[in-house]
PDB file of N, CA and C in Angstrom:
ATOM      1  N   MET A   1    -115.533  82.248  -9.678  1.00  0.00           N
ATOM      2  CA  MET A   1    -115.090  81.161 -10.500  1.00  0.00           C
ATOM      3  C   MET A   1    -115.206  81.571 -11.974  1.00  0.00           C
ATOM      4  N   MET A   2    -114.136  81.375 -12.730  1.00  0.00           N
ATOM      5  CA  MET A   2    -114.138  81.725 -14.149  1.00  0.00           C
ATOM      6  C   MET A   2    -114.707  80.569 -14.967  1.00  0.00           C
ATOM      7  N   SER A   3    -115.498  80.929 -15.964  1.00  0.00           N
ATOM      8  CA  SER A   3    -116.016  79.885 -16.846  1.00  0.00           C
ATOM      9  C   SER A   3    -115.036  79.670 -17.997  1.00  0.00           C
ATOM     10  N   ARG A   4    -115.049  78.470 -18.543  1.00  0.00           N
ATOM     11  CA  ARG A   4    -114.183  78.143 -19.672  1.00  0.00           C
ATOM     12  C   ARG A   4    -114.999  78.265 -20.952  1.00  0.00           C
ATOM     13  N   THR A   5    -114.322  78.678 -22.007  1.00  0.00           N
ATOM     14  CA  THR A   5    -114.968  78.820 -23.312  1.00  0.00           C
ATOM     15  C   THR A   5    -114.457  77.742 -24.245  1.00  0.00           C
ATOM     16  N   ASP A   6    -115.376  77.069 -24.904  1.00  0.00           N
ATOM     17  CA  ASP A   6    -115.023  76.108 -25.950  1.00  0.00           C
ATOM     18  C   ASP A   6    -114.889  76.918 -27.233  1.00  0.00           C
ATOM     19  N   TRP A   7    -113.659  77.233 -27.606  1.00  0.00           N
ATOM     20  CA  TRP A   7    -113.420  78.125 -28.734  1.00  0.00           C
ATOM     21  C   TRP A   7    -113.865  77.524 -30.060  1.00  0.00           C
ATOM     22  N   GLN A   8    -113.808  76.226 -30.185  1.00  0.00           N
ATOM     23  CA  GLN A   8    -114.283  75.603 -31.413  1.00  0.00           C
ATOM     24  C   GLN A   8    -115.793  75.818 -31.547  1.00  0.00           C
ATOM     25  N   ALA A   9    -116.522  75.604 -30.463  1.00  0.00           N
ATOM     26  CA  ALA A   9    -117.968  75.833 -30.472  1.00  0.00           C
ATOM     27  C   ALA A   9    -118.280  77.322 -30.674  1.00  0.00           C
ATOM     28  N   TRP A  10    -117.465  78.187 -30.104  1.00  0.00           N
ATOM     29  CA  TRP A  10    -117.666  79.630 -30.233  1.00  0.00           C
ATOM     30  C   TRP A  10    -117.594  80.066 -31.696  1.00  0.00           C
ATOM     31  N   HIS A  11    -116.744  79.418 -32.497  1.00  0.00           N
ATOM     32  CA  HIS A  11    -116.580  79.780 -33.899  1.00  0.00           C
ATOM     33  C   HIS A  11    -117.618  79.144 -34.829  1.00  0.00           C
ATOM     34  N   GLU A  12    -118.371  78.158 -34.357  1.00  0.00           N
ATOM     35  CA  GLU A  12    -119.331  77.456 -35.203  1.00  0.00           C
ATOM     36  C   GLU A  12    -120.349  78.376 -35.892  1.00  0.00           C
ATOM     37  N   PRO A  13    -120.841  79.441 -35.254  1.00  0.00           N
ATOM     38  CA  PRO A  13    -121.810  80.301 -35.939  1.00  0.00           C
ATOM     39  C   PRO A  13    -121.271  80.939 -37.228  1.00  0.00           C
ATOM     40  N   TYR A  14    -119.952  81.045 -37.366  1.00  0.00           N
ATOM     41  CA  TYR A  14    -119.412  81.600 -38.606  1.00  0.00           C
ATOM     42  C   TYR A  14    -119.770  80.729 -39.811  1.00  0.00           C
ATOM     43  N   ALA A  15    -119.990  79.442 -39.608  1.00  0.00           N
ATOM     44  CA  ALA A  15    -120.348  78.533 -40.701  1.00  0.00           C
ATOM     45  C   ALA A  15    -121.812  78.687 -41.105  1.00  0.00           C
ATOM     46  N   ASP A  16    -122.635  79.266 -40.236  1.00  0.00           N
ATOM     47  CA  ASP A  16    -124.051  79.489 -40.526  1.00  0.00           C
ATOM     48  C   ASP A  16    -124.188  80.828 -41.251  1.00  0.00           C
ATOM     49  N   GLU A  17    -124.557  80.769 -42.517  1.00  0.00           N
ATOM     50  CA  GLU A  17    -124.631  81.957 -43.362  1.00  0.00           C
ATOM     51  C   GLU A  17    -125.529  83.054 -42.804  1.00  0.00           C
ATOM     52  N   ASN A  18    -126.510  82.686 -41.976  1.00  0.00           N
ATOM     53  CA  ASN A  18    -127.468  83.658 -41.454  1.00  0.00           C
ATOM     54  C   ASN A  18    -127.187  84.106 -40.025  1.00  0.00           C
ATOM     55  N   SER A  19    -126.118  83.606 -39.426  1.00  0.00           N
ATOM     56  CA  SER A  19    -125.830  83.992 -38.042  1.00  0.00           C
ATOM     57  C   SER A  19    -125.302  85.423 -37.985  1.00  0.00           C
ATOM     58  N   PRO A  20    -125.498  86.104 -36.863  1.00  0.00           N
ATOM     59  CA  PRO A  20    -124.958  87.458 -36.719  1.00  0.00           C
ATOM     60  C   PRO A  20    -123.438  87.502 -36.925  1.00  0.00           C
ATOM     61  N   LEU A  21    -122.723  86.488 -36.423  1.00  0.00           N
ATOM     62  CA  LEU A  21    -121.264  86.496 -36.601  1.00  0.00           C
ATOM     63  C   LEU A  21    -120.881  86.378 -38.070  1.00  0.00           C
ATOM     64  N   SER A  22    -121.571  85.542 -38.804  1.00  0.00           N
ATOM     65  CA  SER A  22    -121.298  85.372 -40.226  1.00  0.00           C
ATOM     66  C   SER A  22    -121.607  86.660 -40.991  1.00  0.00           C
ATOM     67  N   ARG A  23    -122.704  87.305 -40.655  1.00  0.00           N
ATOM     68  CA  ARG A  23    -123.049  88.574 -41.310  1.00  0.00           C
ATOM     69  C   ARG A  23    -122.026  89.651 -40.976  1.00  0.00           C
ATOM     70  N   ARG A  24    -121.575  89.687 -39.729  1.00  0.00           N
ATOM     71  CA  ARG A  24    -120.554  90.661 -39.334  1.00  0.00           C
ATOM     72  C   ARG A  24    -119.271  90.416 -40.115  1.00  0.00           C
ATOM     73  N   LEU A  25    -118.894  89.157 -40.250  1.00  0.00           N
ATOM     74  CA  LEU A  25    -117.678  88.820 -40.984  1.00  0.00           C
ATOM     75  C   LEU A  25    -117.776  89.287 -42.440  1.00  0.00           C
ATOM     76  N   ARG A  26    -118.923  89.111 -43.064  1.00  0.00           N
ATOM     77  CA  ARG A  26    -119.089  89.574 -44.449  1.00  0.00           C
ATOM     78  C   ARG A  26    -118.930  91.083 -44.537  1.00  0.00           C
ATOM     79  N   LEU A  27    -119.440  91.812 -43.551  1.00  0.00           N
ATOM     80  CA  LEU A  27    -119.289  93.264 -43.551  1.00  0.00           C
ATOM     81  C   LEU A  27    -117.828  93.679 -43.381  1.00  0.00           C
ATOM     82  N   VAL A  28    -117.143  93.023 -42.481  1.00  0.00           N
ATOM     83  CA  VAL A  28    -115.739  93.364 -42.231  1.00  0.00           C
ATOM     84  C   VAL A  28    -114.894  93.106 -43.465  1.00  0.00           C
ATOM     85  N   ARG A  29    -115.268  92.106 -44.245  1.00  0.00           N
ATOM     86  CA  ARG A  29    -114.501  91.773 -45.448  1.00  0.00           C
ATOM     87  C   ARG A  29    -114.747  92.742 -46.598  1.00  0.00           C
ATOM     88  N   ARG A  30    -115.794  93.560 -46.500  1.00  0.00           N
ATOM     89  CA  ARG A  30    -116.086  94.503 -47.587  1.00  0.00           C
ATOM     90  C   ARG A  30    -115.030  95.595 -47.626  1.00  0.00           C
ATOM     91  N   PRO A  31    -114.651  96.045 -48.820  1.00  0.00           N
ATOM     92  CA  PRO A  31    -113.634  97.105 -48.932  1.00  0.00           C
ATOM     93  C   PRO A  31    -113.983  98.365 -48.167  1.00  0.00           C
ATOM     94  N   ALA A  32    -115.254  98.745 -48.101  1.00  0.00           N
ATOM     95  CA  ALA A  32    -115.626  99.971 -47.376  1.00  0.00           C
ATOM     96  C   ALA A  32    -115.270  99.858 -45.905  1.00  0.00           C
ATOM     97  N   SER A  33    -115.444  98.688 -45.317  1.00  0.00           N
ATOM     98  CA  SER A  33    -115.108  98.507 -43.905  1.00  0.00           C
ATOM     99  C   SER A  33    -113.612  98.605 -43.688  1.00  0.00           C
ATOM    100  N   ARG A  34    -112.836  98.010 -44.594  1.00  0.00           N
ATOM    101  CA  ARG A  34    -111.383  98.059 -44.454  1.00  0.00           C
ATOM    102  C   ARG A  34    -110.867  99.476 -44.610  1.00  0.00           C
ATOM    103  N   SER A  35    -111.515 100.285 -45.452  1.00  0.00           N
ATOM    104  CA  SER A  35    -111.021 101.638 -45.677  1.00  0.00           C
ATOM    105  C   SER A  35    -111.218 102.530 -44.458  1.00  0.00           C
ATOM    106  N   ALA A  36    -111.994 102.097 -43.472  1.00  0.00           N
ATOM    107  CA  ALA A  36    -112.191 102.887 -42.260  1.00  0.00           C
ATOM    108  C   ALA A  36    -110.967 102.859 -41.361  1.00  0.00           C
ATOM    109  N   LEU A  37    -110.106 101.862 -41.501  1.00  0.00           N
ATOM    110  CA  LEU A  37    -108.973 101.709 -40.595  1.00  0.00           C
ATOM    111  C   LEU A  37    -108.073 102.937 -40.544  1.00  0.00           C
ATOM    112  N   PRO A  38    -107.701 103.568 -41.676  1.00  0.00           N
ATOM    113  CA  PRO A  38    -106.864 104.769 -41.567  1.00  0.00           C
ATOM    114  C   PRO A  38    -107.529 105.909 -40.805  1.00  0.00           C
ATOM    115  N   ARG A  39    -108.853 105.895 -40.717  1.00  0.00           N
ATOM    116  CA  ARG A  39    -109.546 106.931 -39.961  1.00  0.00           C
ATOM    117  C   ARG A  39    -109.449 106.687 -38.466  1.00  0.00           C
ATOM    118  N   LEU A  40    -109.046 105.509 -38.091  1.00  0.00           N
ATOM    119  CA  LEU A  40    -108.912 105.172 -36.677  1.00  0.00           C
ATOM    120  C   LEU A  40    -107.474 105.286 -36.194  1.00  0.00           C
ATOM    121  N   CYS A  41    -106.536 105.546 -37.099  1.00  0.00           N
ATOM    122  CA  CYS A  41    -105.121 105.512 -36.757  1.00  0.00           C
ATOM    123  C   CYS A  41    -104.476 106.882 -36.823  1.00  0.00           C
ATOM    124  N   ALA A  42    -103.647 107.160 -35.842  1.00  0.00           N
ATOM    125  CA  ALA A  42    -102.804 108.343 -35.879  1.00  0.00           C
ATOM    126  C   ALA A  42    -101.568 108.018 -36.711  1.00  0.00           C
ATOM    127  N   ALA A  43    -100.798 109.023 -37.042  1.00  0.00           N
ATOM    128  CA  ALA A  43     -99.558 108.798 -37.785  1.00  0.00           C
ATOM    129  C   ALA A  43     -98.685 107.812 -37.017  1.00  0.00           C
ATOM    130  N   ASP A  44     -98.079 106.876 -37.716  1.00  0.00           N
ATOM    131  CA  ASP A  44     -97.176 105.864 -37.155  1.00  0.00           C
ATOM    132  C   ASP A  44     -97.857 104.850 -36.240  1.00  0.00           C
ATOM    133  N   ALA A  45     -99.187 104.791 -36.248  1.00  0.00           N
ATOM    134  CA  ALA A  45     -99.892 103.791 -35.439  1.00  0.00           C
ATOM    135  C   ALA A  45     -99.508 102.397 -35.923  1.00  0.00           C
ATOM    136  N   THR A  46     -99.486 101.446 -35.001  1.00  0.00           N
ATOM    137  CA  THR A  46     -99.185 100.066 -35.353  1.00  0.00           C
ATOM    138  C   THR A  46    -100.418  99.211 -35.111  1.00  0.00           C
ATOM    139  N   VAL A  47    -100.773  98.426 -36.107  1.00  0.00           N
ATOM    140  CA  VAL A  47    -101.880  97.488 -36.015  1.00  0.00           C
ATOM    141  C   VAL A  47    -101.282  96.095 -35.898  1.00  0.00           C
ATOM    142  N   ILE A  48    -101.659  95.382 -34.855  1.00  0.00           N
ATOM    143  CA  ILE A  48    -101.224  93.997 -34.679  1.00  0.00           C
ATOM    144  C   ILE A  48    -102.461  93.137 -34.870  1.00  0.00           C
ATOM    145  N   TRP A  49    -102.359  92.152 -35.753  1.00  0.00           N
ATOM    146  CA  TRP A  49    -103.510  91.329 -36.094  1.00  0.00           C
ATOM    147  C   TRP A  49    -103.115  89.860 -36.118  1.00  0.00           C
ATOM    148  N   THR A  50    -104.115  89.011 -35.972  1.00  0.00           N
ATOM    149  CA  THR A  50    -103.901  87.569 -36.044  1.00  0.00           C
ATOM    150  C   THR A  50    -105.052  86.956 -36.830  1.00  0.00           C
ATOM    151  N   ARG A  51    -104.752  85.882 -37.509  1.00  0.00           N
ATOM    152  CA  ARG A  51    -105.772  85.228 -38.325  1.00  0.00           C
ATOM    153  C   ARG A  51    -105.399  83.770 -38.530  1.00  0.00           C
ATOM    154  N   THR A  52    -106.413  82.933 -38.660  1.00  0.00           N
ATOM    155  CA  THR A  52    -106.174  81.534 -38.984  1.00  0.00           C
ATOM    156  C   THR A  52    -105.670  81.429 -40.426  1.00  0.00           C
ATOM    157  N   ARG A  53    -104.947  80.367 -40.714  1.00  0.00           N
ATOM    158  CA  ARG A  53    -104.490  80.111 -42.076  1.00  0.00           C
ATOM    159  C   ARG A  53    -105.228  78.928 -42.690  1.00  0.00           C
ATOM    160  N   ARG A  54    -106.314  78.493 -42.020  1.00  0.00           N
ATOM    161  CA  ARG A  54    -107.141  77.443 -42.610  1.00  0.00           C
ATOM    162  C   ARG A  54    -107.675  77.909 -43.953  1.00  0.00           C
ATOM    163  N   ALA A  55    -107.940  76.950 -44.851  1.00  0.00           N
ATOM    164  CA  ALA A  55    -108.473  77.280 -46.173  1.00  0.00           C
ATOM    165  C   ALA A  55    -109.846  77.934 -46.042  1.00  0.00           C
ATOM    166  N   PRO A  56    -110.090  78.979 -46.744  1.00  0.00           N
ATOM    167  CA  PRO A  56    -109.130  79.659 -47.595  1.00  0.00           C
ATOM    168  C   PRO A  56    -108.241  80.585 -46.759  1.00  0.00           C
ATOM    169  N   ASP A  57    -106.947  80.498 -46.952  1.00  0.00           N
ATOM    170  CA  ASP A  57    -105.984  81.324 -46.207  1.00  0.00           C
ATOM    171  C   ASP A  57    -106.059  82.755 -46.736  1.00  0.00           C
ATOM    172  N   LEU A  58    -106.639  83.637 -45.933  1.00  0.00           N
ATOM    173  CA  LEU A  58    -106.780  85.028 -46.354  1.00  0.00           C
ATOM    174  C   LEU A  58    -105.655  85.927 -45.859  1.00  0.00           C
ATOM    175  N   THR A  59    -104.634  85.345 -45.224  1.00  0.00           N
ATOM    176  CA  THR A  59    -103.555  86.205 -44.726  1.00  0.00           C
ATOM    177  C   THR A  59    -102.876  86.986 -45.850  1.00  0.00           C
ATOM    178  N   PRO A  60    -102.669  86.414 -47.051  1.00  0.00           N
ATOM    179  CA  PRO A  60    -102.098  87.249 -48.116  1.00  0.00           C
ATOM    180  C   PRO A  60    -103.014  88.424 -48.476  1.00  0.00           C
ATOM    181  N   ALA A  61    -104.316  88.194 -48.469  1.00  0.00           N
ATOM    182  CA  ALA A  61    -105.259  89.273 -48.770  1.00  0.00           C
ATOM    183  C   ALA A  61    -105.228  90.346 -47.684  1.00  0.00           C
ATOM    184  N   VAL A  62    -105.185  89.933 -46.412  1.00  0.00           N
ATOM    185  CA  VAL A  62    -105.138  90.899 -45.305  1.00  0.00           C
ATOM    186  C   VAL A  62    -103.899  91.775 -45.441  1.00  0.00           C
ATOM    187  N   ARG A  63    -102.778  91.157 -45.741  1.00  0.00           N
ATOM    188  CA  ARG A  63    -101.533  91.919 -45.906  1.00  0.00           C
ATOM    189  C   ARG A  63    -101.666  92.920 -47.058  1.00  0.00           C
ATOM    190  N   GLY A  64    -102.307  92.510 -48.128  1.00  0.00           N
ATOM    191  CA  GLY A  64    -102.521  93.408 -49.261  1.00  0.00           C
ATOM    192  C   GLY A  64    -103.475  94.542 -48.929  1.00  0.00           C
ATOM    193  N   TRP A  65    -104.559  94.217 -48.205  1.00  0.00           N
ATOM    194  CA  TRP A  65    -105.515  95.255 -47.817  1.00  0.00           C
ATOM    195  C   TRP A  65    -104.833  96.315 -46.963  1.00  0.00           C
ATOM    196  N   LEU A  66    -104.009  95.872 -46.018  1.00  0.00           N
ATOM    197  CA  LEU A  66    -103.314  96.830 -45.170  1.00  0.00           C
ATOM    198  C   LEU A  66    -102.329  97.665 -45.989  1.00  0.00           C
ATOM    199  N   ARG A  67    -101.597  97.032 -46.878  1.00  0.00           N
ATOM    200  CA  ARG A  67    -100.663  97.759 -47.743  1.00  0.00           C
ATOM    201  C   ARG A  67    -101.418  98.809 -48.559  1.00  0.00           C
ATOM    202  N   ASP A  68    -102.538  98.396 -49.152  1.00  0.00           N
ATOM    203  CA  ASP A  68    -103.327  99.313 -49.980  1.00  0.00           C
ATOM    204  C   ASP A  68    -103.919 100.469 -49.176  1.00  0.00           C
ATOM    205  N   ALA A  69    -104.095 100.273 -47.876  1.00  0.00           N
ATOM    206  CA  ALA A  69    -104.650 101.315 -47.003  1.00  0.00           C
ATOM    207  C   ALA A  69    -103.560 102.217 -46.421  1.00  0.00           C
ATOM    208  N   GLY A  70    -102.292 102.014 -46.841  1.00  0.00           N
ATOM    209  CA  GLY A  70    -101.218 102.906 -46.389  1.00  0.00           C
ATOM    210  C   GLY A  70    -100.379 102.378 -45.249  1.00  0.00           C
ATOM    211  N   PHE A  71    -100.415 101.063 -44.997  1.00  0.00           N
ATOM    212  CA  PHE A  71     -99.641 100.472 -43.918  1.00  0.00           C
ATOM    213  C   PHE A  71     -98.398  99.781 -44.474  1.00  0.00           C
ATOM    214  N   VAL A  72     -97.331  99.808 -43.702  1.00  0.00           N
ATOM    215  CA  VAL A  72     -96.086  99.133 -44.051  1.00  0.00           C
ATOM    216  C   VAL A  72     -95.937  97.928 -43.130  1.00  0.00           C
ATOM    217  N   GLU A  73     -95.684  96.785 -43.720  1.00  0.00           N
ATOM    218  CA  GLU A  73     -95.530  95.573 -42.907  1.00  0.00           C
ATOM    219  C   GLU A  73     -94.227  95.631 -42.125  1.00  0.00           C
ATOM    220  N   ARG A  74     -94.330  95.444 -40.830  1.00  0.00           N
ATOM    221  CA  ARG A  74     -93.152  95.429 -39.953  1.00  0.00           C
ATOM    222  C   ARG A  74     -92.804  94.009 -39.525  1.00  0.00           C
ATOM    223  N   ALA A  75     -93.809  93.131 -39.487  1.00  0.00           N
ATOM    224  CA  ALA A  75     -93.562  91.738 -39.108  1.00  0.00           C
ATOM    225  C   ALA A  75     -94.722  90.885 -39.589  1.00  0.00           C
ATOM    226  N   PHE A  76     -94.402  89.652 -39.930  1.00  0.00           N
ATOM    227  CA  PHE A  76     -95.423  88.664 -40.268  1.00  0.00           C
ATOM    228  C   PHE A  76     -94.861  87.318 -39.847  1.00  0.00           C
ATOM    229  N   HIS A  77     -95.509  86.695 -38.880  1.00  0.00           N
ATOM    230  CA  HIS A  77     -95.012  85.439 -38.323  1.00  0.00           C
ATOM    231  C   HIS A  77     -96.001  84.308 -38.590  1.00  0.00           C
ATOM    232  N   VAL A  78     -95.462  83.201 -39.073  1.00  0.00           N
ATOM    233  CA  VAL A  78     -96.232  81.984 -39.312  1.00  0.00           C
ATOM    234  C   VAL A  78     -95.525  80.878 -38.530  1.00  0.00           C
ATOM    235  N   PRO A  79     -95.885  80.709 -37.262  1.00  0.00           N
ATOM    236  CA  PRO A  79     -95.207  79.697 -36.448  1.00  0.00           C
ATOM    237  C   PRO A  79     -95.386  78.293 -37.027  1.00  0.00           C
ATOM    238  N   GLU A  80     -94.357  77.512 -36.918  1.00  0.00           N
ATOM    239  CA  GLU A  80     -94.391  76.141 -37.411  1.00  0.00           C
ATOM    240  C   GLU A  80     -95.358  75.290 -36.597  1.00  0.00           C
ATOM    241  N   GLY A  81     -96.107  74.446 -37.273  1.00  0.00           N
ATOM    242  CA  GLY A  81     -96.957  73.479 -36.595  1.00  0.00           C
ATOM    243  C   GLY A  81     -98.297  73.988 -36.121  1.00  0.00           C
ATOM    244  N   VAL A  82     -98.656  75.234 -36.471  1.00  0.00           N
ATOM    245  CA  VAL A  82     -99.968  75.779 -36.082  1.00  0.00           C
ATOM    246  C   VAL A  82    -100.606  76.431 -37.302  1.00  0.00           C
ATOM    247  N   LEU A  83    -101.893  76.703 -37.199  1.00  0.00           N
ATOM    248  CA  LEU A  83    -102.605  77.295 -38.327  1.00  0.00           C
ATOM    249  C   LEU A  83    -102.957  78.760 -38.115  1.00  0.00           C
ATOM    250  N   PHE A  84    -102.097  79.501 -37.440  1.00  0.00           N
ATOM    251  CA  PHE A  84    -102.369  80.930 -37.313  1.00  0.00           C
ATOM    252  C   PHE A  84    -101.150  81.731 -37.724  1.00  0.00           C
ATOM    253  N   ALA A  85    -101.402  82.994 -37.998  1.00  0.00           N
ATOM    254  CA  ALA A  85    -100.343  83.932 -38.335  1.00  0.00           C
ATOM    255  C   ALA A  85    -100.570  85.202 -37.530  1.00  0.00           C
ATOM    256  N   VAL A  86     -99.501  85.945 -37.286  1.00  0.00           N
ATOM    257  CA  VAL A  86     -99.574  87.223 -36.585  1.00  0.00           C
ATOM    258  C   VAL A  86     -98.821  88.250 -37.418  1.00  0.00           C
ATOM    259  N   GLY A  87     -99.460  89.376 -37.661  1.00  0.00           N
ATOM    260  CA  GLY A  87     -98.818  90.430 -38.429  1.00  0.00           C
ATOM    261  C   GLY A  87     -98.792  91.731 -37.651  1.00  0.00           C
ATOM    262  N   ALA A  88     -97.840  92.578 -38.006  1.00  0.00           N
ATOM    263  CA  ALA A  88     -97.748  93.925 -37.437  1.00  0.00           C
ATOM    264  C   ALA A  88     -97.499  94.881 -38.597  1.00  0.00           C
ATOM    265  N   HIS A  89     -98.354  95.861 -38.723  1.00  0.00           N
ATOM    266  CA  HIS A  89     -98.245  96.849 -39.795  1.00  0.00           C
ATOM    267  C   HIS A  89     -98.280  98.248 -39.191  1.00  0.00           C
ATOM    268  N   GLN A  90     -97.424  99.130 -39.699  1.00  0.00           N
ATOM    269  CA  GLN A  90     -97.365 100.504 -39.208  1.00  0.00           C
ATOM    270  C   GLN A  90     -97.999 101.428 -40.250  1.00  0.00           C
ATOM    271  N   PHE A  91     -98.838 102.334 -39.783  1.00  0.00           N
ATOM    272  CA  PHE A  91     -99.515 103.266 -40.677  1.00  0.00           C
ATOM    273  C   PHE A  91     -98.528 104.320 -41.158  1.00  0.00           C
ATOM    274  N   ALA A  92     -98.333 104.379 -42.486  1.00  0.00           N
ATOM    275  CA  ALA A  92     -97.401 105.332 -43.082  1.00  0.00           C
ATOM    276  C   ALA A  92     -98.144 106.389 -43.895  1.00  0.00           C
ATOM    277  N   GLY A  93     -99.456 106.305 -43.920  1.00  0.00           N
ATOM    278  CA  GLY A  93    -100.243 107.255 -44.684  1.00  0.00           C
ATOM    279  C   GLY A  93    -100.549 108.504 -43.886  1.00  0.00           C
ATOM    280  N   THR A  94    -101.389 109.314 -44.456  1.00  0.00           N
ATOM    281  CA  THR A  94    -101.826 110.538 -43.793  1.00  0.00           C
ATOM    282  C   THR A  94    -103.129 110.238 -43.067  1.00  0.00           C
ATOM    283  N   PRO A  95    -103.186 110.516 -41.763  1.00  0.00           N
ATOM    284  CA  PRO A  95    -104.442 110.271 -41.040  1.00  0.00           C
ATOM    285  C   PRO A  95    -105.582 111.030 -41.713  1.00  0.00           C
ATOM    286  N   GLN A  96    -106.724 110.382 -41.806  1.00  0.00           N
ATOM    287  CA  GLN A  96    -107.883 110.966 -42.464  1.00  0.00           C
ATOM    288  C   GLN A  96    -108.921 111.341 -41.428  1.00  0.00           C
ATOM    289  N   PRO A  97    -109.642 112.412 -41.657  1.00  0.00           N
ATOM    290  CA  PRO A  97    -110.683 112.790 -40.695  1.00  0.00           C
ATOM    291  C   PRO A  97    -111.842 111.804 -40.745  1.00  0.00           C
ATOM    292  N   LEU A  98    -112.552 111.705 -39.637  1.00  0.00           N
ATOM    293  CA  LEU A  98    -113.756 110.887 -39.604  1.00  0.00           C
ATOM    294  C   LEU A  98    -114.836 111.540 -40.456  1.00  0.00           C
ATOM    295  N   ALA A  99    -115.746 110.734 -40.946  1.00  0.00           N
ATOM    296  CA  ALA A  99    -116.874 111.273 -41.699  1.00  0.00           C
ATOM    297  C   ALA A  99    -117.655 112.234 -40.809  1.00  0.00           C
ATOM    298  N   SER A 100    -118.270 113.216 -41.422  1.00  0.00           N
ATOM    299  CA  SER A 100    -118.970 114.240 -40.639  1.00  0.00           C
ATOM    300  C   SER A 100    -120.089 113.663 -39.783  1.00  0.00           C
ATOM    301  N   ASP A 101    -120.669 112.525 -40.205  1.00  0.00           N
ATOM    302  CA  ASP A 101    -121.727 111.928 -39.394  1.00  0.00           C
ATOM    303  C   ASP A 101    -121.160 111.090 -38.255  1.00  0.00           C
ATOM    304  N   GLY A 102    -119.833 110.888 -38.249  1.00  0.00           N
ATOM    305  CA  GLY A 102    -119.188 110.161 -37.172  1.00  0.00           C
ATOM    306  C   GLY A 102    -119.413 108.662 -37.210  1.00  0.00           C
ATOM    307  N   GLU A 103    -120.059 108.142 -38.269  1.00  0.00           N
ATOM    308  CA  GLU A 103    -120.361 106.715 -38.339  1.00  0.00           C
ATOM    309  C   GLU A 103    -119.216 105.952 -38.985  1.00  0.00           C
ATOM    310  N   LEU A 104    -118.741 104.911 -38.294  1.00  0.00           N
ATOM    311  CA  LEU A 104    -117.686 104.057 -38.831  1.00  0.00           C
ATOM    312  C   LEU A 104    -118.229 102.720 -39.283  1.00  0.00           C
ATOM    313  N   PHE A 105    -119.191 102.185 -38.546  1.00  0.00           N
ATOM    314  CA  PHE A 105    -119.693 100.848 -38.805  1.00  0.00           C
ATOM    315  C   PHE A 105    -121.214 100.835 -38.768  1.00  0.00           C
ATOM    316  N   THR A 106    -121.797  99.871 -39.425  1.00  0.00           N
ATOM    317  CA  THR A 106    -123.221  99.615 -39.350  1.00  0.00           C
ATOM    318  C   THR A 106    -123.382  98.215 -38.786  1.00  0.00           C
ATOM    319  N   PHE A 107    -124.105  98.078 -37.700  1.00  0.00           N
ATOM    320  CA  PHE A 107    -124.290  96.774 -37.066  1.00  0.00           C
ATOM    321  C   PHE A 107    -125.646  96.206 -37.456  1.00  0.00           C
ATOM    322  N   LEU A 108    -125.658  94.936 -37.804  1.00  0.00           N
ATOM    323  CA  LEU A 108    -126.887  94.245 -38.142  1.00  0.00           C
ATOM    324  C   LEU A 108    -127.289  93.358 -36.976  1.00  0.00           C
ATOM    325  N   CYS A 109    -128.563  93.300 -36.680  1.00  0.00           N
ATOM    326  CA  CYS A 109    -129.048  92.444 -35.588  1.00  0.00           C
ATOM    327  C   CYS A 109    -129.717  91.225 -36.130  1.00  0.00           C
TER     328      CYS A 109
END
């Protein structure tokens, strides 16, 4: 039997400044974390992403971050009557080698 997830309740920890999810979100939003994406992509890789457009709507920022990291926007959809967007960006930059220590992320507990 599959259990059901209350997605609204699942997102509530993001509102708690000290929750692990909130701390993870702050790390992901840092420029250093975003700059790791080209190290994960081969030439012509496509990144498909989705995000809420609730205030503050960060979809314009996400599109800019991807552009600044060497991605070309191939699609951006904002369906009518909902608060989400879906984007597709293709990597047009030069793939970068991973750092010699192999570390991409730092996880906080």
